[in-house]
C-alpha atoms as a PDB file:
ATOM      1  CA  MET A   1      17.071 -11.827  -2.268  1.00  0.00           C
ATOM      2  CA  LYS A   2      16.285 -15.443  -1.351  1.00  0.00           C
ATOM      3  CA  LYS A   3      12.703 -15.050  -2.455  1.00  0.00           C
ATOM      4  CA  THR A   4      12.016 -18.797  -2.463  1.00  0.00           C
ATOM      5  CA  ILE A   5      13.205 -19.230   1.135  1.00  0.00           C
ATOM      6  CA  SER A   6      11.119 -16.289   2.291  1.00  0.00           C
ATOM      7  CA  LEU A   7       8.054 -17.700   0.553  1.00  0.00           C
ATOM      8  CA  LEU A   8       8.520 -21.057   2.289  1.00  0.00           C
ATOM      9  CA  VAL A   9       9.030 -19.528   5.712  1.00  0.00           C
ATOM     10  CA  ALA A  10       6.062 -17.224   5.279  1.00  0.00           C
ATOM     11  CA  LEU A  11       3.877 -20.129   4.161  1.00  0.00           C
ATOM     12  CA  LEU A  12       4.815 -22.193   7.210  1.00  0.00           C
ATOM     13  CA  THR A  13       4.132 -19.305   9.586  1.00  0.00           C
ATOM     14  CA  ALA A  14       1.085 -17.884   7.831  1.00  0.00           C
ATOM     15  CA  CYS A  15      -1.449 -16.075  10.006  1.00  0.00           C
ATOM     16  CA  VAL A  16      -4.999 -17.335  10.268  1.00  0.00           C
ATOM     17  CA  SER A  17      -7.824 -14.873   9.683  1.00  0.00           C
ATOM     18  CA  ILE A  18      -9.839 -14.004  12.773  1.00  0.00           C
ATOM     19  CA  PRO A  19     -13.637 -13.731  12.684  1.00  0.00           C
ATOM     20  CA  LEU A  20     -14.967 -10.239  12.078  1.00  0.00           C
ATOM     21  CA  GLU A  21     -17.240  -8.516  14.531  1.00  0.00           C
ATOM     22  CA  SER A  22     -20.902  -8.335  13.641  1.00  0.00           C
ATOM     23  CA  ASN A  23     -20.878  -4.561  13.103  1.00  0.00           C
ATOM     24  CA  GLU A  24     -18.149  -4.629  10.472  1.00  0.00           C
ATOM     25  CA  ILE A  25     -18.789  -4.209   6.787  1.00  0.00           C
ATOM     26  CA  ILE A  26     -16.651  -6.183   4.368  1.00  0.00           C
ATOM     27  CA  SER A  27     -15.984  -4.775   0.924  1.00  0.00           C
ATOM     28  CA  GLU A  28     -15.168  -6.749  -2.183  1.00  0.00           C
ATOM     29  CA  ASN A  29     -11.907  -8.683  -2.270  1.00  0.00           C
ATOM     30  CA  ILE A  30      -9.969  -6.483  -4.656  1.00  0.00           C
ATOM     31  CA  GLY A  31      -7.744  -8.313  -7.102  1.00  0.00           C
ATOM     32  CA  ALA A  32      -8.715 -11.862  -6.227  1.00  0.00           C
ATOM     33  CA  GLN A  33      -9.416 -12.873  -9.829  1.00  0.00           C
ATOM     34  CA  SER A  34      -6.554 -11.081 -11.565  1.00  0.00           C
ATOM     35  CA  LEU A  35      -3.480 -12.741 -10.079  1.00  0.00           C
ATOM     36  CA  PRO A  36      -0.797 -14.203 -12.358  1.00  0.00           C
ATOM     37  CA  SER A  37       0.303 -17.177 -10.207  1.00  0.00           C
ATOM     38  CA  ASP A  38      -1.059 -20.079  -8.195  1.00  0.00           C
ATOM     39  CA  PHE A  39      -0.030 -18.434  -4.933  1.00  0.00           C
ATOM     40  CA  TYR A  40      -0.526 -14.923  -3.745  1.00  0.00           C
ATOM     41  CA  VAL A  41       0.012 -12.829  -0.653  1.00  0.00           C
ATOM     42  CA  ARG A  42      -3.120 -11.717   1.182  1.00  0.00           C
ATOM     43  CA  ILE A  43      -2.947  -8.326   2.861  1.00  0.00           C
ATOM     44  CA  ASN A  44      -5.780  -7.155   5.070  1.00  0.00           C
ATOM     45  CA  LEU A  45      -6.554  -3.458   5.192  1.00  0.00           C
ATOM     46  CA  LYS A  46      -9.116  -1.469   7.141  1.00  0.00           C
ATOM     47  CA  VAL A  47     -10.747   1.902   6.561  1.00  0.00           C
ATOM     48  CA  ARG A  48     -13.284   3.916   8.514  1.00  0.00           C
ATOM     49  CA  LYS A  49     -16.716   3.966   6.897  1.00  0.00           C
ATOM     50  CA  GLN A  50     -17.195   7.588   7.952  1.00  0.00           C
ATOM     51  CA  GLU A  51     -14.069   8.642   6.049  1.00  0.00           C
ATOM     52  CA  THR A  52     -15.076   6.778   2.884  1.00  0.00           C
ATOM     53  CA  GLU A  53     -18.377   8.669   2.931  1.00  0.00           C
ATOM     54  CA  GLN A  54     -16.780  12.017   3.740  1.00  0.00           C
ATOM     55  CA  TYR A  55     -14.161  11.667   0.994  1.00  0.00           C
ATOM     56  CA  PRO A  56     -15.739   9.529  -1.770  1.00  0.00           C
ATOM     57  CA  GLN A  57     -13.340  10.674  -4.502  1.00  0.00           C
ATOM     58  CA  MET A  58     -10.296   9.817  -2.409  1.00  0.00           C
ATOM     59  CA  TRP A  59     -11.753   6.442  -1.475  1.00  0.00           C
ATOM     60  CA  ALA A  60     -12.535   5.658  -5.122  1.00  0.00           C
ATOM     61  CA  ALA A  61      -8.957   6.620  -6.041  1.00  0.00           C
ATOM     62  CA  MET A  62      -7.524   4.333  -3.356  1.00  0.00           C
ATOM     63  CA  GLN A  63      -9.682   1.438  -4.571  1.00  0.00           C
ATOM     64  CA  ARG A  64      -8.462   2.041  -8.131  1.00  0.00           C
ATOM     65  CA  ALA A  65      -4.870   1.985  -6.907  1.00  0.00           C
ATOM     66  CA  LEU A  66      -5.388  -1.268  -5.007  1.00  0.00           C
ATOM     67  CA  GLU A  67      -6.865  -2.809  -8.146  1.00  0.00           C
ATOM     68  CA  GLU A  68      -3.994  -1.521 -10.289  1.00  0.00           C
ATOM     69  CA  TRP A  69      -1.315  -3.035  -8.078  1.00  0.00           C
ATOM     70  CA  SER A  70      -3.210  -6.334  -7.861  1.00  0.00           C
ATOM     71  CA  LEU A  71      -3.248  -6.576 -11.664  1.00  0.00           C
ATOM     72  CA  HIS A  72       0.553  -6.700 -11.769  1.00  0.00           C
ATOM     73  CA  ILE A  73       1.760  -8.616  -8.722  1.00  0.00           C
ATOM     74  CA  PRO A  74       0.431 -11.685  -6.849  1.00  0.00           C
ATOM     75  CA  VAL A  75      -1.291  -9.840  -4.041  1.00  0.00           C
ATOM     76  CA  HIS A  76      -4.847  -9.992  -2.769  1.00  0.00           C
ATOM     77  CA  PHE A  77      -6.059  -6.942  -0.832  1.00  0.00           C
ATOM     78  CA  LYS A  78      -8.949  -7.681   1.482  1.00  0.00           C
ATOM     79  CA  VAL A  79     -10.517  -4.407   2.659  1.00  0.00           C
ATOM     80  CA  HIS A  80     -12.623  -4.110   5.818  1.00  0.00           C
ATOM     81  CA  VAL A  81     -14.839  -1.015   5.943  1.00  0.00           C
ATOM     82  CA  LEU A  82     -15.410  -0.390   9.629  1.00  0.00           C
ATOM     83  CA  SER A  83     -18.248   1.278  11.470  1.00  0.00           C
ATOM     84  CA  VAL A  84     -17.476   3.616  14.367  1.00  0.00           C
ATOM     85  CA  HIS A  85     -16.716   1.092  17.100  1.00  0.00           C
ATOM     86  CA  ALA A  86     -15.642  -1.866  14.980  1.00  0.00           C
ATOM     87  CA  ARG A  87     -12.246  -3.510  15.307  1.00  0.00           C
ATOM     88  CA  ALA A  88     -10.261  -5.557  12.807  1.00  0.00           C
ATOM     89  CA  LYS A  89      -6.662  -6.427  12.217  1.00  0.00           C
ATOM     90  CA  GLY A  90      -5.060  -4.925   9.165  1.00  0.00           C
ATOM     91  CA  ILE A  91      -3.169  -1.977   7.786  1.00  0.00           C
ATOM     92  CA  ALA A  92      -5.136   1.210   8.366  1.00  0.00           C
ATOM     93  CA  ILE A  93      -6.107   3.453   5.447  1.00  0.00           C
ATOM     94  CA  ARG A  94      -6.759   6.992   6.645  1.00  0.00           C
ATOM     95  CA  LEU A  95      -8.508   9.673   4.594  1.00  0.00           C
ATOM     96  CA  THR A  96      -7.998  12.751   6.703  1.00  0.00           C
ATOM     97  CA  ASP A  97      -6.149  16.011   7.354  1.00  0.00           C
ATOM     98  CA  LEU A  98      -2.491  14.991   7.667  1.00  0.00           C
ATOM     99  CA  ALA A  99      -1.656  18.360   9.198  1.00  0.00           C
ATOM    100  CA  SER A 100      -4.006  17.718  12.127  1.00  0.00           C
ATOM    101  CA  THR A 101      -2.798  17.130  15.673  1.00  0.00           C
ATOM    102  CA  GLU A 102      -3.105  13.380  15.088  1.00  0.00           C
ATOM    103  CA  PHE A 103      -0.425  13.310  12.370  1.00  0.00           C
ATOM    104  CA  ARG A 104       1.328  16.699  12.667  1.00  0.00           C
ATOM    105  CA  LEU A 105       2.698  16.709   9.107  1.00  0.00           C
ATOM    106  CA  SER A 106       3.437  19.846   7.139  1.00  0.00           C
ATOM    107  CA  ASP A 107       0.720  21.103   4.819  1.00  0.00           C
ATOM    108  CA  ASP A 108       2.605  20.068   1.659  1.00  0.00           C
ATOM    109  CA  PHE A 109       2.207  16.344   2.400  1.00  0.00           C
ATOM    110  CA  LEU A 110      -0.252  14.586   0.095  1.00  0.00           C
ATOM    111  CA  GLY A 111       0.179  11.092   1.486  1.00  0.00           C
ATOM    112  CA  ILE A 112       2.196   8.988   3.876  1.00  0.00           C
ATOM    113  CA  TRP A 113       3.066   5.377   4.687  1.00  0.00           C
ATOM    114  CA  TYR A 114       4.559   4.527   8.054  1.00  0.00           C
ATOM    115  CA  VAL A 115       4.763   1.805  10.666  1.00  0.00           C
ATOM    116  CA  LYS A 116       4.495   2.715  14.346  1.00  0.00           C
ATOM    117  CA  ASN A 117       4.665   0.144  17.131  1.00  0.00           C
ATOM    118  CA  GLY A 118       4.097  -2.632  14.619  1.00  0.00           C
ATOM    119  CA  VAL A 119       0.982  -1.003  13.126  1.00  0.00           C
ATOM    120  CA  GLY A 120       0.998   0.087   9.483  1.00  0.00           C
ATOM    121  CA  PHE A 121      -0.793   3.215   8.241  1.00  0.00           C
ATOM    122  CA  ILE A 122      -1.448   4.669   4.790  1.00  0.00           C
ATOM    123  CA  GLY A 123      -2.712   8.237   4.847  1.00  0.00           C
ATOM    124  CA  LEU A 124      -4.155  10.493   2.128  1.00  0.00           C
ATOM    125  CA  ASP A 125      -4.567  14.195   2.833  1.00  0.00           C
ATOM    126  CA  ASP A 126      -8.067  15.625   2.586  1.00  0.00           C
ATOM    127  CA  LYS A 127      -7.020  18.240  -0.001  1.00  0.00           C
ATOM    128  CA  LEU A 128      -6.908  15.396  -2.557  1.00  0.00           C
ATOM    129  CA  GLU A 129     -10.709  15.102  -2.529  1.00  0.00           C
ATOM    130  CA  ASP A 130     -10.898  17.817  -5.206  1.00  0.00           C
ATOM    131  CA  TYR A 131      -8.198  16.175  -7.358  1.00  0.00           C
ATOM    132  CA  PRO A 132      -9.158  12.520  -8.031  1.00  0.00           C
ATOM    133  CA  GLU A 133      -6.321  11.783 -10.479  1.00  0.00           C
ATOM    134  CA  LEU A 134      -3.749  13.184  -8.066  1.00  0.00           C
ATOM    135  CA  ALA A 135      -5.378  11.116  -5.335  1.00  0.00           C
ATOM    136  CA  PHE A 136      -4.969   8.043  -7.557  1.00  0.00           C
ATOM    137  CA  SER A 137      -1.262   8.625  -8.281  1.00  0.00           C
ATOM    138  CA  THR A 138      -0.620   9.408  -4.600  1.00  0.00           C
ATOM    139  CA  SER A 139      -2.408   6.195  -3.592  1.00  0.00           C
ATOM    140  CA  LEU A 140      -0.291   4.183  -6.036  1.00  0.00           C
ATOM    141  CA  HIS A 141       2.833   5.787  -4.575  1.00  0.00           C
ATOM    142  CA  GLU A 142       1.994   5.134  -0.918  1.00  0.00           C
ATOM    143  CA  LEU A 143       0.878   1.569  -1.659  1.00  0.00           C
ATOM    144  CA  GLY A 144       4.241   1.115  -3.381  1.00  0.00           C
ATOM    145  CA  HIS A 145       5.961   2.041  -0.126  1.00  0.00           C
ATOM    146  CA  MET A 146       3.699  -0.371   1.731  1.00  0.00           C
ATOM    147  CA  LEU A 147       4.826  -3.109  -0.665  1.00  0.00           C
ATOM    148  CA  GLY A 148       8.471  -2.310   0.061  1.00  0.00           C
ATOM    149  CA  LEU A 149       9.446   0.066  -2.739  1.00  0.00           C
ATOM    150  CA  PRO A 150      11.763   3.013  -2.043  1.00  0.00           C
ATOM    151  CA  HIS A 151      11.725   6.265  -3.972  1.00  0.00           C
ATOM    152  CA  LEU A 152      13.075   6.212  -7.534  1.00  0.00           C
ATOM    153  CA  THR A 153      15.025   9.317  -8.437  1.00  0.00           C
ATOM    154  CA  GLY A 154      17.430  10.705 -11.018  1.00  0.00           C
ATOM    155  CA  ARG A 155      19.814  12.341  -8.572  1.00  0.00           C
ATOM    156  CA  GLU A 156      21.353  11.615  -5.209  1.00  0.00           C
ATOM    157  CA  ASP A 157      19.464  13.302  -2.401  1.00  0.00           C
ATOM    158  CA  THR A 158      19.786  12.159   1.176  1.00  0.00           C
ATOM    159  CA  SER A 159      16.590  14.002   2.128  1.00  0.00           C
ATOM    160  CA  TYR A 160      14.604  11.120   0.637  1.00  0.00           C
ATOM    161  CA  THR A 161      13.766   8.282   3.007  1.00  0.00           C
ATOM    162  CA  GLY A 162      15.314   5.526   0.928  1.00  0.00           C
ATOM    163  CA  TRP A 163      15.872   5.811  -2.815  1.00  0.00           C
ATOM    164  CA  ILE A 164      17.210   4.070  -5.906  1.00  0.00           C
ATOM    165  CA  LEU A 165      19.182   6.136  -8.392  1.00  0.00           C
ATOM    166  CA  LEU A 166      17.962   5.540 -11.946  1.00  0.00           C
ATOM    167  CA  PRO A 167      20.432   5.468 -14.880  1.00  0.00           C
ATOM    168  CA  PRO A 168      21.310   8.702 -16.700  1.00  0.00           C
ATOM    169  CA  GLY A 169      18.840   9.564 -19.441  1.00  0.00           C
ATOM    170  CA  VAL A 170      15.871   8.056 -17.615  1.00  0.00           C
ATOM    171  CA  ASP A 171      13.191  10.602 -16.753  1.00  0.00           C
ATOM    172  CA  ALA A 172      12.661   9.719 -13.098  1.00  0.00           C
ATOM    173  CA  GLU A 173       9.819  12.241 -12.800  1.00  0.00           C
ATOM    174  CA  ASN A 174       7.570   9.929 -14.841  1.00  0.00           C
ATOM    175  CA  TYR A 175       7.729   7.145 -12.246  1.00  0.00           C
ATOM    176  CA  VAL A 176       5.014   6.453  -9.694  1.00  0.00           C
ATOM    177  CA  MET A 177       7.680   6.181  -6.984  1.00  0.00           C
ATOM    178  CA  TYR A 178       9.286   9.533  -7.732  1.00  0.00           C
ATOM    179  CA  PRO A 179       9.350  11.354  -4.350  1.00  0.00           C
ATOM    180  CA  ARG A 180       7.436  14.454  -5.467  1.00  0.00           C
ATOM    181  CA  ARG A 181       4.338  15.076  -7.535  1.00  0.00           C
ATOM    182  CA  VAL A 182       5.385  17.086 -10.630  1.00  0.00           C
ATOM    183  CA  PRO A 183       2.914  19.183 -12.697  1.00  0.00           C
ATOM    184  CA  GLY A 184       2.577  17.758 -16.184  1.00  0.00           C
ATOM    185  CA  LYS A 185       3.851  14.331 -15.112  1.00  0.00           C
ATOM    186  CA  PRO A 186       0.929  11.959 -14.505  1.00  0.00           C
ATOM    187  CA  GLN A 187       2.993   9.461 -12.479  1.00  0.00           C
ATOM    188  CA  SER A 188       0.034   7.112 -12.611  1.00  0.00           C
ATOM    189  CA  GLN A 189       1.299   4.178 -14.697  1.00  0.00           C
ATOM    190  CA  LEU A 190       3.353   1.481 -13.013  1.00  0.00           C
ATOM    191  CA  SER A 191       6.611   0.820 -14.858  1.00  0.00           C
ATOM    192  CA  GLU A 192       8.253  -2.563 -15.412  1.00  0.00           C
ATOM    193  CA  VAL A 193      10.952  -1.547 -12.932  1.00  0.00           C
ATOM    194  CA  GLU A 194       8.430  -0.777 -10.192  1.00  0.00           C
ATOM    195  CA  ILE A 195       6.470  -3.967 -10.829  1.00  0.00           C
ATOM    196  CA  GLU A 196       9.636  -6.089 -10.736  1.00  0.00           C
ATOM    197  CA  LEU A 197      10.804  -4.444  -7.515  1.00  0.00           C
ATOM    198  CA  ALA A 198       7.404  -5.093  -5.936  1.00  0.00           C
ATOM    199  CA  HIS A 199       7.630  -8.775  -6.900  1.00  0.00           C
ATOM    200  CA  HIS A 200      10.958  -9.097  -5.111  1.00  0.00           C
ATOM    201  CA  THR A 201      10.018  -7.144  -1.995  1.00  0.00           C
ATOM    202  CA  LEU A 202       6.438  -8.326  -1.541  1.00  0.00           C
ATOM    203  CA  VAL A 203       7.358 -11.222   0.751  1.00  0.00           C
ATOM    204  CA  TYR A 204      11.029 -10.670   1.516  1.00  0.00           C
ATOM    205  CA  LEU A 205      10.648  -7.201   3.064  1.00  0.00           C
ATOM    206  CA  TRP A 206       7.342  -8.030   4.730  1.00  0.00           C
ATOM    207  CA  THR A 207       8.796 -10.807   6.860  1.00  0.00           C
ATOM    208  CA  GLN A 208      11.312 -10.857   9.691  1.00  0.00           C
ATOM    209  CA  PRO A 209      14.288 -13.256   9.470  1.00  0.00           C
ATOM    210  CA  ASN A 210      12.241 -15.740  11.524  1.00  0.00           C
ATOM    211  CA  GLY A 211       9.378 -15.534   9.002  1.00  0.00           C
ATOM    212  CA  SER A 212       6.966 -13.532  11.165  1.00  0.00           C
ATOM    213  CA  PRO A 213       5.298 -10.406   9.726  1.00  0.00           C
ATOM    214  CA  ARG A 214       7.081  -7.062  10.178  1.00  0.00           C
ATOM    215  CA  VAL A 215       3.718  -5.370  10.704  1.00  0.00           C
ATOM    216  CA  ASP A 216       2.134  -6.995  13.746  1.00  0.00           C
ATOM    217  CA  ASP A 217      -1.419  -5.688  13.408  1.00  0.00           C
ATOM    218  CA  CYS A 218      -2.286  -7.336  10.118  1.00  0.00           C
ATOM    219  CA  GLU A 219      -3.170 -10.641   8.595  1.00  0.00           C
ATOM    220  CA  PHE A 220      -0.266 -11.753   6.419  1.00  0.00           C
ATOM    221  CA  SER A 221      -0.365 -15.107   4.709  1.00  0.00           C
ATOM    222  CA  LEU A 222       0.154 -17.002   1.524  1.00  0.00           C
ATOM    223  CA  ASP A 223      -2.904 -18.668   0.088  1.00  0.00           C
ATOM    224  CA  LYS A 224      -3.362 -21.026  -2.812  1.00  0.00           C
ATOM    225  CA  ARG A 225      -5.952 -19.869  -5.289  1.00  0.00           C
ATOM    226  CA  ASP A 226      -8.986 -22.052  -5.832  1.00  0.00           C
END
């Protein structure tokens, strides 16, 4: 997958962080001290302060999921918690009703990752507030998509938006990236397969052939750790 070339191109074309507005609140830099290599990818995210307060269990689950991914791959998530009128570049985390007129998804959706007009969004449905462990596994799953992972499944099914067919005998329902939440299957522990895939896609799928970020409205760069 020409990972080395992509790393070089991304390093040469790395974005520079812009100053934050005075009414923005910056959270802790999740994962900054737990990275396994000298270099890591920095991904800026943003979340509305009002939604973190309205859905504290969902927000705690998302923070846990960010920390979990950062323990296994060289990524540094910098989260901006925004007040009502604040602006910041970054991938938007939404804690909201995904069936609302804003998103128009069916009621069975628990989470979503999508890119529209160069802007990336991760959404968790408000029904997850009463189910923190399900919110955690859903957060892991949607962050996996953000990092470039497709669904992992045990059977061919073209209804999935991108999938990898696992070998016979492998219980695909145990994987974080399985396309459905299954009762009795926690789906909350990242497998070696998922971690390895994330390593390969982290930079390669996040950059265009010319090295620029695929998601325009975010800060994407490679930084050397202190």
